[in-house]
N, C-alpha and C. Protein backbone atom coordinates (compact mmCIF):
# COMPACT_ATOMS: atom_id res chain seq x y z
N MET A 1 29.00 -29.04 19.32
CA MET A 1 28.51 -27.82 19.86
C MET A 1 27.80 -27.89 21.11
N HIS A 2 27.94 -27.40 22.28
CA HIS A 2 27.10 -27.61 23.37
C HIS A 2 25.62 -27.16 23.22
N ARG A 3 24.79 -27.88 23.89
CA ARG A 3 23.30 -27.75 23.73
C ARG A 3 22.99 -26.16 24.08
N PRO A 4 23.39 -25.53 25.20
CA PRO A 4 23.09 -24.16 25.41
C PRO A 4 23.58 -23.21 24.25
N ILE A 5 24.73 -23.43 23.84
CA ILE A 5 25.27 -22.59 22.66
C ILE A 5 24.25 -22.83 21.51
N ARG A 6 24.02 -23.97 21.05
CA ARG A 6 23.11 -24.36 19.97
C ARG A 6 21.81 -23.66 20.11
N THR A 7 21.20 -23.62 21.35
CA THR A 7 19.78 -23.01 21.52
C THR A 7 19.92 -21.61 21.47
N ALA A 8 21.01 -20.99 22.03
CA ALA A 8 21.20 -19.47 21.88
C ALA A 8 21.41 -18.98 20.45
N LEU A 9 22.17 -19.93 19.69
CA LEU A 9 22.32 -19.58 18.30
C LEU A 9 21.02 -19.77 17.44
N ALA A 10 20.18 -20.71 17.84
CA ALA A 10 18.96 -20.91 17.16
C ALA A 10 18.03 -19.77 17.48
N PHE A 11 17.96 -19.16 18.76
CA PHE A 11 17.23 -18.02 19.09
C PHE A 11 17.67 -16.70 18.31
N ALA A 12 19.03 -16.66 18.22
CA ALA A 12 19.53 -15.49 17.63
C ALA A 12 19.25 -15.53 16.11
N LEU A 13 19.23 -16.62 15.41
CA LEU A 13 18.80 -16.74 13.96
C LEU A 13 17.42 -16.53 13.89
N ALA A 14 16.55 -17.10 14.68
CA ALA A 14 15.08 -16.80 14.63
C ALA A 14 14.72 -15.25 14.82
N ALA A 15 15.54 -14.65 15.69
CA ALA A 15 15.15 -13.23 16.03
C ALA A 15 15.58 -12.38 14.79
N THR A 16 16.70 -12.74 14.15
CA THR A 16 16.99 -12.00 12.95
C THR A 16 16.00 -12.16 11.69
N ALA A 17 15.28 -13.37 11.74
CA ALA A 17 14.38 -13.62 10.71
C ALA A 17 13.01 -13.10 10.98
N LEU A 18 12.79 -12.72 12.17
CA LEU A 18 11.51 -12.16 12.58
C LEU A 18 11.00 -10.86 11.88
N PRO A 19 11.80 -9.88 11.82
CA PRO A 19 11.43 -8.59 11.15
C PRO A 19 11.09 -8.88 9.67
N ALA A 20 11.66 -9.79 9.05
CA ALA A 20 11.41 -10.15 7.53
C ALA A 20 10.06 -10.77 7.55
N LEU A 21 9.91 -11.64 8.54
CA LEU A 21 8.45 -12.51 8.49
C LEU A 21 7.36 -11.46 8.85
N ALA A 22 7.61 -10.55 9.75
CA ALA A 22 6.61 -9.62 10.22
C ALA A 22 6.28 -8.70 9.20
N ALA A 23 7.25 -8.27 8.23
CA ALA A 23 6.95 -7.27 7.29
C ALA A 23 5.93 -7.85 6.19
N ASN A 24 5.87 -9.18 6.06
CA ASN A 24 4.97 -9.82 5.14
C ASN A 24 3.42 -10.05 5.57
N ASP A 25 3.24 -9.80 6.84
CA ASP A 25 1.95 -10.02 7.41
C ASP A 25 1.23 -8.69 7.53
N SER A 26 1.75 -7.64 7.05
CA SER A 26 1.08 -6.37 7.08
C SER A 26 1.47 -5.55 5.79
N PRO A 27 0.63 -4.69 5.39
CA PRO A 27 0.80 -3.97 4.20
C PRO A 27 1.87 -2.85 4.23
N VAL A 28 2.32 -2.62 5.57
CA VAL A 28 3.35 -1.67 5.82
C VAL A 28 4.63 -1.85 5.00
N GLY A 29 4.95 -0.85 4.20
CA GLY A 29 6.16 -1.06 3.28
C GLY A 29 6.05 -0.33 1.99
N LYS A 30 6.95 -0.61 1.13
CA LYS A 30 6.80 0.04 -0.16
C LYS A 30 6.29 -0.78 -1.19
N TRP A 31 5.35 -0.31 -2.19
CA TRP A 31 4.63 -0.97 -3.02
C TRP A 31 4.59 -0.48 -4.58
N LYS A 32 4.65 -1.32 -5.48
CA LYS A 32 4.66 -0.86 -6.87
C LYS A 32 3.26 -0.93 -7.23
N THR A 33 2.64 0.22 -7.60
CA THR A 33 1.32 0.15 -8.07
C THR A 33 1.20 -0.29 -9.60
N ILE A 34 0.29 -1.23 -9.74
CA ILE A 34 0.02 -1.80 -11.17
C ILE A 34 -1.13 -1.49 -11.75
N ASP A 35 -1.08 -0.66 -13.03
CA ASP A 35 -2.31 -0.56 -13.60
C ASP A 35 -3.18 -1.67 -13.93
N ASP A 36 -4.39 -1.57 -13.53
CA ASP A 36 -5.24 -2.82 -13.85
C ASP A 36 -5.66 -3.07 -15.34
N LYS A 37 -5.41 -2.03 -16.15
CA LYS A 37 -5.69 -2.23 -17.75
C LYS A 37 -4.48 -2.38 -18.43
N THR A 38 -3.36 -1.68 -18.09
CA THR A 38 -2.12 -1.80 -18.96
C THR A 38 -1.24 -2.77 -18.22
N HIS A 39 -1.25 -3.12 -17.01
CA HIS A 39 -0.41 -3.97 -16.29
C HIS A 39 1.09 -3.32 -16.11
N GLU A 40 1.24 -2.16 -16.22
CA GLU A 40 2.50 -1.39 -16.15
C GLU A 40 2.58 -0.78 -14.69
N VAL A 41 3.81 -0.81 -14.27
CA VAL A 41 4.06 -0.06 -12.91
C VAL A 41 3.86 1.41 -13.08
N LYS A 42 2.95 1.95 -12.26
CA LYS A 42 2.72 3.37 -12.42
C LYS A 42 3.47 4.22 -11.26
N SER A 43 3.61 3.72 -10.11
CA SER A 43 4.15 4.43 -9.09
C SER A 43 4.69 3.60 -7.98
N ILE A 44 5.35 4.23 -7.00
CA ILE A 44 5.62 3.52 -5.79
C ILE A 44 5.04 4.32 -4.61
N VAL A 45 4.38 3.42 -3.84
CA VAL A 45 3.54 3.88 -2.59
C VAL A 45 4.22 3.36 -1.48
N GLU A 46 4.26 4.22 -0.39
CA GLU A 46 4.78 3.73 0.85
C GLU A 46 3.59 3.66 1.85
N ILE A 47 3.22 2.58 2.35
CA ILE A 47 2.23 2.43 3.28
C ILE A 47 2.88 2.39 4.78
N THR A 48 2.45 3.30 5.66
CA THR A 48 2.90 3.50 6.99
C THR A 48 1.68 3.25 7.93
N GLU A 49 2.11 2.90 9.35
CA GLU A 49 1.11 2.89 10.22
C GLU A 49 1.30 4.06 11.23
N ASN A 50 0.13 4.75 11.48
CA ASN A 50 0.07 5.75 12.30
C ASN A 50 -0.95 5.70 13.33
N GLY A 51 -0.68 5.42 14.51
CA GLY A 51 -1.74 5.24 15.63
C GLY A 51 -2.85 4.13 15.33
N GLY A 52 -2.22 3.03 14.82
CA GLY A 52 -2.95 1.83 14.54
C GLY A 52 -3.82 2.02 13.15
N LEU A 53 -3.67 3.13 12.52
CA LEU A 53 -4.38 3.25 11.04
C LEU A 53 -3.28 3.37 10.02
N LEU A 54 -3.56 2.79 8.94
CA LEU A 54 -2.59 2.80 7.80
C LEU A 54 -2.87 3.96 7.00
N GLU A 55 -1.83 4.37 6.45
CA GLU A 55 -1.95 5.45 5.34
C GLU A 55 -0.94 5.13 4.32
N GLY A 56 -1.22 5.64 3.07
CA GLY A 56 -0.33 5.49 1.88
C GLY A 56 0.03 6.79 1.20
N LYS A 57 1.41 6.90 1.00
CA LYS A 57 1.83 8.22 0.29
C LYS A 57 2.56 7.80 -0.94
N VAL A 58 2.39 8.62 -2.09
CA VAL A 58 3.02 8.48 -3.30
C VAL A 58 4.56 8.89 -3.11
N LEU A 59 5.49 7.86 -3.23
CA LEU A 59 6.92 8.32 -3.10
C LEU A 59 7.40 8.77 -4.51
N GLN A 60 6.88 8.12 -5.64
CA GLN A 60 7.37 8.31 -6.96
C GLN A 60 6.37 7.93 -7.93
N VAL A 61 6.19 8.91 -8.98
CA VAL A 61 5.32 8.58 -10.10
C VAL A 61 6.30 8.10 -11.19
N LEU A 62 6.11 6.80 -11.73
CA LEU A 62 6.98 6.27 -12.68
C LEU A 62 6.41 6.43 -14.15
N LYS A 63 5.07 6.43 -14.25
CA LYS A 63 4.47 6.55 -15.52
C LYS A 63 3.14 7.33 -15.40
N SER A 64 3.07 8.46 -16.25
CA SER A 64 1.98 9.26 -16.21
C SER A 64 1.63 9.90 -17.56
N GLU A 65 0.48 10.01 -17.78
CA GLU A 65 0.11 10.74 -18.98
C GLU A 65 0.37 12.11 -19.12
N HIS A 66 0.71 12.75 -17.88
CA HIS A 66 0.71 14.20 -17.73
C HIS A 66 2.30 14.53 -17.26
N GLY A 67 3.29 13.80 -17.83
CA GLY A 67 4.52 14.04 -17.75
C GLY A 67 5.24 13.43 -16.51
N PRO A 68 6.52 13.90 -16.22
CA PRO A 68 7.27 13.17 -15.15
C PRO A 68 6.84 13.64 -13.73
N HIS A 69 6.38 14.75 -13.64
CA HIS A 69 5.95 15.20 -12.23
C HIS A 69 4.45 15.90 -12.16
N PRO A 70 3.38 14.78 -12.34
CA PRO A 70 2.14 15.35 -12.49
C PRO A 70 1.65 15.92 -11.16
N VAL A 71 0.53 16.78 -11.47
CA VAL A 71 -0.15 17.41 -10.24
C VAL A 71 -1.63 16.88 -10.34
N CYS A 72 -2.31 16.95 -9.31
CA CYS A 72 -3.63 16.35 -9.11
C CYS A 72 -4.58 17.57 -9.62
N SER A 73 -4.56 17.69 -10.93
CA SER A 73 -5.48 18.79 -11.49
C SER A 73 -6.94 18.37 -11.50
N GLU A 74 -7.35 17.22 -11.23
CA GLU A 74 -8.78 16.76 -11.08
C GLU A 74 -9.25 16.92 -9.62
N CYS A 75 -8.18 16.95 -8.70
CA CYS A 75 -8.64 17.04 -7.18
C CYS A 75 -9.37 18.41 -6.95
N SER A 76 -9.96 18.35 -5.76
CA SER A 76 -10.64 19.57 -5.35
C SER A 76 -10.07 19.89 -3.94
N GLY A 77 -10.34 20.95 -3.36
CA GLY A 77 -9.86 21.37 -2.07
C GLY A 77 -8.44 21.53 -2.05
N GLU A 78 -7.78 21.08 -0.81
CA GLU A 78 -6.31 21.32 -0.55
C GLU A 78 -5.35 20.55 -1.44
N ARG A 79 -5.94 19.50 -2.21
CA ARG A 79 -5.07 18.65 -3.12
C ARG A 79 -5.02 19.29 -4.57
N LYS A 80 -6.05 20.16 -4.81
CA LYS A 80 -6.10 20.80 -6.13
C LYS A 80 -4.72 21.28 -6.63
N ASN A 81 -4.27 20.71 -7.89
CA ASN A 81 -3.05 21.36 -8.44
C ASN A 81 -1.67 21.03 -7.66
N LYS A 82 -1.84 20.03 -6.63
CA LYS A 82 -0.66 19.90 -5.81
C LYS A 82 0.14 18.59 -6.53
N PRO A 83 1.38 18.48 -6.36
CA PRO A 83 2.19 17.45 -6.75
C PRO A 83 1.71 16.12 -6.34
N ILE A 84 1.58 15.11 -7.06
CA ILE A 84 1.11 13.78 -6.73
C ILE A 84 2.28 13.10 -5.87
N GLU A 85 3.39 13.27 -6.27
CA GLU A 85 4.67 12.85 -5.43
C GLU A 85 4.66 13.43 -4.17
N GLY A 86 4.73 12.70 -3.20
CA GLY A 86 4.55 13.19 -1.80
C GLY A 86 3.14 13.31 -1.23
N MET A 87 2.09 13.12 -2.05
CA MET A 87 0.65 13.16 -1.58
C MET A 87 0.32 11.83 -0.87
N THR A 88 -0.38 12.06 0.16
CA THR A 88 -1.15 10.99 1.01
C THR A 88 -2.49 10.60 0.01
N ILE A 89 -2.38 9.37 -0.37
CA ILE A 89 -3.48 9.06 -1.33
C ILE A 89 -4.46 7.98 -0.65
N MET A 90 -4.09 7.47 0.45
CA MET A 90 -4.93 6.52 1.23
C MET A 90 -4.80 6.69 2.76
N TRP A 91 -5.86 6.52 3.43
CA TRP A 91 -5.79 6.90 4.90
C TRP A 91 -6.99 6.19 5.57
N GLY A 92 -6.82 6.03 6.96
CA GLY A 92 -7.89 5.50 7.91
C GLY A 92 -8.20 4.09 7.71
N LEU A 93 -7.24 3.22 7.36
CA LEU A 93 -7.43 1.85 7.28
C LEU A 93 -7.12 1.05 8.59
N LYS A 94 -7.86 0.23 8.96
CA LYS A 94 -7.59 -0.54 10.35
C LYS A 94 -7.82 -2.08 10.04
N LYS A 95 -7.05 -2.92 10.77
CA LYS A 95 -7.04 -4.23 10.47
C LYS A 95 -8.51 -4.76 10.95
N ASP A 96 -9.01 -5.48 10.14
CA ASP A 96 -10.42 -6.19 10.27
C ASP A 96 -10.23 -7.64 9.83
N GLY A 97 -9.88 -8.57 10.60
CA GLY A 97 -9.72 -10.03 10.34
C GLY A 97 -8.49 -10.06 9.36
N ASP A 98 -8.65 -10.70 8.33
CA ASP A 98 -7.47 -10.76 7.42
C ASP A 98 -7.32 -9.70 6.42
N GLU A 99 -8.07 -8.55 6.56
CA GLU A 99 -7.90 -7.49 5.73
C GLU A 99 -7.89 -6.13 6.42
N TRP A 100 -7.65 -5.06 5.78
CA TRP A 100 -7.65 -3.74 6.29
C TRP A 100 -8.72 -2.94 5.57
N SER A 101 -9.74 -2.25 6.35
CA SER A 101 -10.78 -1.59 5.78
C SER A 101 -11.15 -0.44 6.65
N GLY A 102 -12.09 0.28 6.31
CA GLY A 102 -12.54 1.52 6.97
C GLY A 102 -11.93 2.72 6.54
N GLY A 103 -11.12 2.77 5.48
CA GLY A 103 -10.30 3.81 5.02
C GLY A 103 -10.98 4.40 3.55
N GLN A 104 -10.17 5.38 3.15
CA GLN A 104 -10.38 5.90 1.89
C GLN A 104 -9.16 5.93 1.05
N ILE A 105 -9.36 5.94 -0.34
CA ILE A 105 -8.26 6.15 -1.13
C ILE A 105 -8.58 7.14 -2.46
N LEU A 106 -7.70 7.94 -2.68
CA LEU A 106 -7.73 8.93 -3.71
C LEU A 106 -7.37 8.41 -5.12
N ASP A 107 -8.11 8.54 -6.08
CA ASP A 107 -7.52 8.25 -7.50
C ASP A 107 -7.20 9.54 -7.97
N PRO A 108 -5.82 9.92 -8.05
CA PRO A 108 -5.46 11.17 -8.57
C PRO A 108 -5.77 11.42 -9.99
N ALA A 109 -5.86 10.46 -10.81
CA ALA A 109 -6.32 10.66 -12.22
C ALA A 109 -7.72 11.38 -12.34
N LYS A 110 -8.56 10.89 -11.44
CA LYS A 110 -10.01 11.33 -11.62
C LYS A 110 -10.31 12.32 -10.40
N GLY A 111 -9.37 12.45 -9.43
CA GLY A 111 -9.59 13.53 -8.40
C GLY A 111 -10.75 12.92 -7.44
N LYS A 112 -11.15 11.53 -7.59
CA LYS A 112 -12.22 11.11 -6.83
C LYS A 112 -11.58 10.25 -5.59
N ILE A 113 -12.45 10.29 -4.47
CA ILE A 113 -12.17 9.48 -3.17
C ILE A 113 -13.04 8.35 -3.14
N TYR A 114 -12.59 7.21 -2.90
CA TYR A 114 -13.32 6.03 -2.81
C TYR A 114 -13.16 5.33 -1.39
N LYS A 115 -14.04 4.42 -0.94
CA LYS A 115 -13.88 3.61 0.14
C LYS A 115 -12.83 2.51 -0.21
N VAL A 116 -11.96 1.93 0.61
CA VAL A 116 -10.98 1.00 0.22
C VAL A 116 -10.74 -0.13 1.27
N THR A 117 -10.41 -1.35 0.64
CA THR A 117 -10.12 -2.47 1.56
C THR A 117 -8.74 -2.90 0.96
N LEU A 118 -7.98 -3.43 1.84
CA LEU A 118 -6.66 -4.03 1.47
C LEU A 118 -6.52 -5.48 1.95
N LYS A 119 -6.07 -6.31 1.08
CA LYS A 119 -5.93 -7.82 1.48
C LYS A 119 -4.55 -8.24 0.91
N LEU A 120 -3.82 -8.84 1.82
CA LEU A 120 -2.50 -9.42 1.37
C LEU A 120 -2.74 -10.68 0.60
N GLU A 121 -1.88 -10.93 -0.20
CA GLU A 121 -1.90 -12.18 -1.11
C GLU A 121 -0.62 -12.65 -1.42
N ASP A 122 -0.37 -14.05 -1.75
CA ASP A 122 0.83 -14.59 -2.23
C ASP A 122 1.93 -14.29 -1.19
N GLY A 123 1.53 -14.74 0.10
CA GLY A 123 2.48 -14.66 1.26
C GLY A 123 2.95 -13.29 1.64
N GLY A 124 2.11 -12.15 1.31
CA GLY A 124 2.38 -10.79 1.55
C GLY A 124 3.22 -10.20 0.53
N ARG A 125 3.54 -10.86 -0.53
CA ARG A 125 4.25 -10.30 -1.69
C ARG A 125 3.32 -9.43 -2.68
N LYS A 126 1.97 -9.63 -2.48
CA LYS A 126 0.94 -8.96 -3.33
C LYS A 126 -0.02 -8.36 -2.41
N LEU A 127 -0.63 -7.15 -2.95
CA LEU A 127 -1.74 -6.47 -2.13
C LEU A 127 -2.75 -6.22 -3.08
N ASP A 128 -4.10 -6.82 -2.68
CA ASP A 128 -5.27 -6.56 -3.47
C ASP A 128 -5.82 -5.21 -2.76
N VAL A 129 -5.79 -4.18 -3.72
CA VAL A 129 -6.37 -2.89 -3.26
C VAL A 129 -7.78 -2.68 -4.02
N HIS A 130 -8.82 -2.72 -3.23
CA HIS A 130 -10.19 -2.64 -3.80
C HIS A 130 -10.85 -1.34 -3.34
N GLY A 131 -11.02 -0.49 -4.47
CA GLY A 131 -11.64 0.86 -4.19
C GLY A 131 -13.05 0.68 -4.59
N TYR A 132 -14.00 1.30 -3.91
CA TYR A 132 -15.57 1.25 -4.16
C TYR A 132 -16.31 2.43 -3.71
N ILE A 133 -17.41 2.52 -4.24
CA ILE A 133 -18.49 3.46 -3.66
C ILE A 133 -19.69 2.66 -3.20
N GLY A 134 -20.18 2.88 -2.12
CA GLY A 134 -21.36 2.11 -1.67
C GLY A 134 -21.05 0.72 -1.16
N PHE A 135 -21.17 -0.32 -1.99
CA PHE A 135 -20.93 -1.82 -1.39
C PHE A 135 -19.68 -2.21 -2.09
N SER A 136 -18.84 -2.91 -1.31
CA SER A 136 -17.45 -3.50 -1.73
C SER A 136 -17.66 -4.50 -2.88
N LEU A 137 -18.87 -5.01 -3.18
CA LEU A 137 -18.99 -5.85 -4.36
C LEU A 137 -18.96 -5.22 -5.71
N ILE A 138 -19.13 -3.85 -5.72
CA ILE A 138 -19.10 -3.14 -6.86
C ILE A 138 -17.89 -2.19 -6.61
N GLY A 139 -16.98 -2.33 -7.64
CA GLY A 139 -15.95 -1.51 -7.45
C GLY A 139 -14.72 -2.03 -8.31
N ARG A 140 -13.56 -1.58 -8.01
CA ARG A 140 -12.41 -1.87 -8.85
C ARG A 140 -11.34 -2.24 -8.06
N SER A 141 -10.51 -3.37 -8.48
CA SER A 141 -9.33 -3.79 -7.75
C SER A 141 -8.06 -3.68 -8.49
N GLN A 142 -7.01 -3.33 -7.88
CA GLN A 142 -5.68 -3.33 -8.41
C GLN A 142 -4.91 -4.17 -7.59
N GLU A 143 -3.83 -4.79 -8.31
CA GLU A 143 -2.83 -5.61 -7.64
C GLU A 143 -1.58 -4.84 -7.52
N TRP A 144 -1.17 -4.70 -6.25
CA TRP A 144 0.18 -4.03 -6.01
C TRP A 144 1.14 -5.05 -5.62
N VAL A 145 2.42 -4.79 -6.02
CA VAL A 145 3.41 -5.82 -5.76
C VAL A 145 4.46 -5.06 -4.76
N ARG A 146 4.94 -5.92 -3.74
CA ARG A 146 5.65 -5.35 -2.79
C ARG A 146 7.07 -5.03 -3.45
N ALA A 147 7.56 -3.81 -3.25
CA ALA A 147 8.80 -3.32 -3.74
C ALA A 147 10.09 -3.84 -2.88
N GLU A 148 10.99 -4.43 -3.41
CA GLU A 148 12.13 -5.03 -2.65
C GLU A 148 13.04 -3.85 -2.25
């Protein structure tokens, strides 16, 4: 094979691999939420970027104590008694070094809103989601797994 053709082929192969690599250096994508107590998959959340800020929306509730299509009965305001599927539960996160912070996350089971930080782990296949009030040292973390 001639050198220019080999070089062009290498560039073409690298270009097709870039989207897959880029997907793992950002939380953007679909995630399986894992209950930190039972370790069961509870829902599928899609994280998107909008104007440099990340937000997360529940695509599907897989396991709930309130049936197959739960509503946010503990929420207040505009989210009160609205379906959790389709609800934006995380918003306002921006990149800060190797994590995303400055945003908030809703726990639909409690109807409470917490500050949140996200950090990719395991080569972008896992996401540490840390919700807290006040200082980030105090709070609760969940591990989400990237949905293929």
